[in-house]
C-alpha atoms as a PDB file:
ATOM      1  CA  MET A   1      73.831  60.076 -37.610  1.00  0.00           C
ATOM      2  CA  LYS A   2      76.614  61.503 -35.350  1.00  0.00           C
ATOM      3  CA  TYR A   3      76.919  60.768 -31.524  1.00  0.00           C
ATOM      4  CA  ARG A   4      79.092  62.942 -29.681  1.00  0.00           C
ATOM      5  CA  GLY A   5      78.966  62.608 -25.992  1.00  0.00           C
ATOM      6  CA  GLY A   6      75.071  62.833 -25.323  1.00  0.00           C
ATOM      7  CA  VAL A   7      74.311  64.652 -28.327  1.00  0.00           C
ATOM      8  CA  ARG A   8      72.851  63.404 -31.156  1.00  0.00           C
ATOM      9  CA  ASP A   9      72.093  65.229 -34.524  1.00  0.00           C
ATOM     10  CA  GLY A  10      72.470  68.576 -32.416  1.00  0.00           C
ATOM     11  CA  ILE A  11      69.331  66.961 -29.710  1.00  0.00           C
ATOM     12  CA  LEU A  12      70.627  66.068 -26.179  1.00  0.00           C
ATOM     13  CA  ILE A  13      69.990  62.781 -25.021  1.00  0.00           C
ATOM     14  CA  PRO A  14      70.279  61.703 -21.603  1.00  0.00           C
ATOM     15  CA  PHE A  15      72.621  59.052 -20.977  1.00  0.00           C
ATOM     16  CA  GLU A  16      72.341  58.080 -17.206  1.00  0.00           C
ATOM     17  CA  VAL A  17      69.123  57.451 -15.240  1.00  0.00           C
ATOM     18  CA  ASN A  18      68.410  57.761 -11.976  1.00  0.00           C
ATOM     19  CA  PRO A  19      65.125  56.722 -10.894  1.00  0.00           C
ATOM     20  CA  ARG A  20      64.725  56.681  -6.314  1.00  0.00           C
ATOM     21  CA  PHE A  21      61.719  57.466  -4.508  1.00  0.00           C
ATOM     22  CA  SER A  22      60.904  60.758  -2.384  1.00  0.00           C
ATOM     23  CA  ALA A  23      62.683  61.542   0.808  1.00  0.00           C
ATOM     24  CA  SER A  24      58.949  61.941   2.057  1.00  0.00           C
ATOM     25  CA  THR A  25      58.209  58.135   1.380  1.00  0.00           C
ATOM     26  CA  TYR A  26      59.339  56.744   4.443  1.00  0.00           C
ATOM     27  CA  LEU A  27      56.977  59.514   6.400  1.00  0.00           C
ATOM     28  CA  ARG A  28      53.444  58.197   4.269  1.00  0.00           C
ATOM     29  CA  ALA A  29      55.193  54.786   5.185  1.00  0.00           C
ATOM     30  CA  MET A  30      54.499  55.930   8.659  1.00  0.00           C
ATOM     31  CA  ALA A  31      50.966  56.631   8.051  1.00  0.00           C
ATOM     32  CA  GLY A  32      50.131  53.447   6.385  1.00  0.00           C
ATOM     33  CA  PHE A  33      50.361  54.500   3.291  1.00  0.00           C
ATOM     34  CA  ASN A  34      53.744  52.196   1.847  1.00  0.00           C
ATOM     35  CA  GLU A  35      53.774  52.820  -1.321  1.00  0.00           C
ATOM     36  CA  ILE A  36      56.843  50.882  -1.900  1.00  0.00           C
ATOM     37  CA  ASP A  37      55.739  47.347  -0.559  1.00  0.00           C
ATOM     38  CA  MET A  38      52.392  48.231  -2.673  1.00  0.00           C
ATOM     39  CA  TYR A  39      54.465  48.436  -5.857  1.00  0.00           C
ATOM     40  CA  LEU A  40      56.328  45.681  -5.064  1.00  0.00           C
ATOM     41  CA  GLN A  41      53.533  43.176  -4.554  1.00  0.00           C
ATOM     42  CA  TYR A  42      51.931  44.444  -7.534  1.00  0.00           C
ATOM     43  CA  VAL A  43      54.596  43.822 -10.041  1.00  0.00           C
ATOM     44  CA  LEU A  44      56.014  40.413  -8.455  1.00  0.00           C
ATOM     45  CA  TYR A  45      52.915  39.138  -7.197  1.00  0.00           C
ATOM     46  CA  GLY A  46      50.397  40.912  -9.134  1.00  0.00           C
ATOM     47  CA  ILE A  47      48.597  42.133  -6.109  1.00  0.00           C
ATOM     48  CA  ASP A  48      46.370  44.993  -6.726  1.00  0.00           C
ATOM     49  CA  PRO A  49      47.266  47.285  -3.991  1.00  0.00           C
ATOM     50  CA  VAL A  50      45.431  48.263  -0.886  1.00  0.00           C
ATOM     51  CA  VAL A  51      45.794  50.996   1.093  1.00  0.00           C
ATOM     52  CA  GLY A  52      45.348  50.035   4.692  1.00  0.00           C
ATOM     53  CA  PRO A  53      44.184  52.694   7.953  1.00  0.00           C
ATOM     54  CA  ILE A  54      45.929  55.819   7.743  1.00  0.00           C
ATOM     55  CA  ARG A  55      47.018  57.295  10.857  1.00  0.00           C
ATOM     56  CA  PRO A  56      46.063  61.272  10.432  1.00  0.00           C
ATOM     57  CA  GLY A  57      48.366  63.046  12.367  1.00  0.00           C
ATOM     58  CA  TYR A  58      52.247  65.926  11.796  1.00  0.00           C
ATOM     59  CA  TYR A  59      55.154  63.584  10.844  1.00  0.00           C
ATOM     60  CA  MET A  60      58.361  65.615  11.037  1.00  0.00           C
ATOM     61  CA  ARG A  61      61.626  64.796   9.536  1.00  0.00           C
ATOM     62  CA  SER A  62      65.143  66.161  11.128  1.00  0.00           C
ATOM     63  CA  PHE A  63      67.383  63.565  12.176  1.00  0.00           C
ATOM     64  CA  SER A  64      65.295  60.999  13.020  1.00  0.00           C
ATOM     65  CA  GLU A  65      61.883  60.504  11.826  1.00  0.00           C
ATOM     66  CA  GLN A  66      59.032  61.675  14.258  1.00  0.00           C
ATOM     67  CA  TYR A  67      55.105  60.827  14.218  1.00  0.00           C
ATOM     68  CA  VAL A  68      52.844  63.409  16.616  1.00  0.00           C
ATOM     69  CA  PRO A  69      48.877  62.611  16.980  1.00  0.00           C
ATOM     70  CA  LYS A  70      46.823  65.326  15.550  1.00  0.00           C
ATOM     71  CA  GLU A  71      45.281  64.735  19.708  1.00  0.00           C
ATOM     72  CA  ALA A  72      48.738  65.898  20.753  1.00  0.00           C
ATOM     73  CA  ILE A  73      49.067  69.281  19.033  1.00  0.00           C
ATOM     74  CA  LYS A  74      47.047  72.037  21.774  1.00  0.00           C
ATOM     75  CA  GLU A  75      45.884  74.570  19.579  1.00  0.00           C
END
């Protein structure tokens, strides 16, 4: 079996993995769904994930994240 710079027997083999969380993870945490905390609690302590109350509204990203309650939007 030959190995040459990420190709083995003519098949590309990935050699770098860069796992990360989505850019909207922080916005979901603002809404009450902190998936990173739930994941770490489960992996480190075996605690089953519990989703608390979710704050419905609009979550916007720009230079700083913002939460706008649904009641504040005029139709």
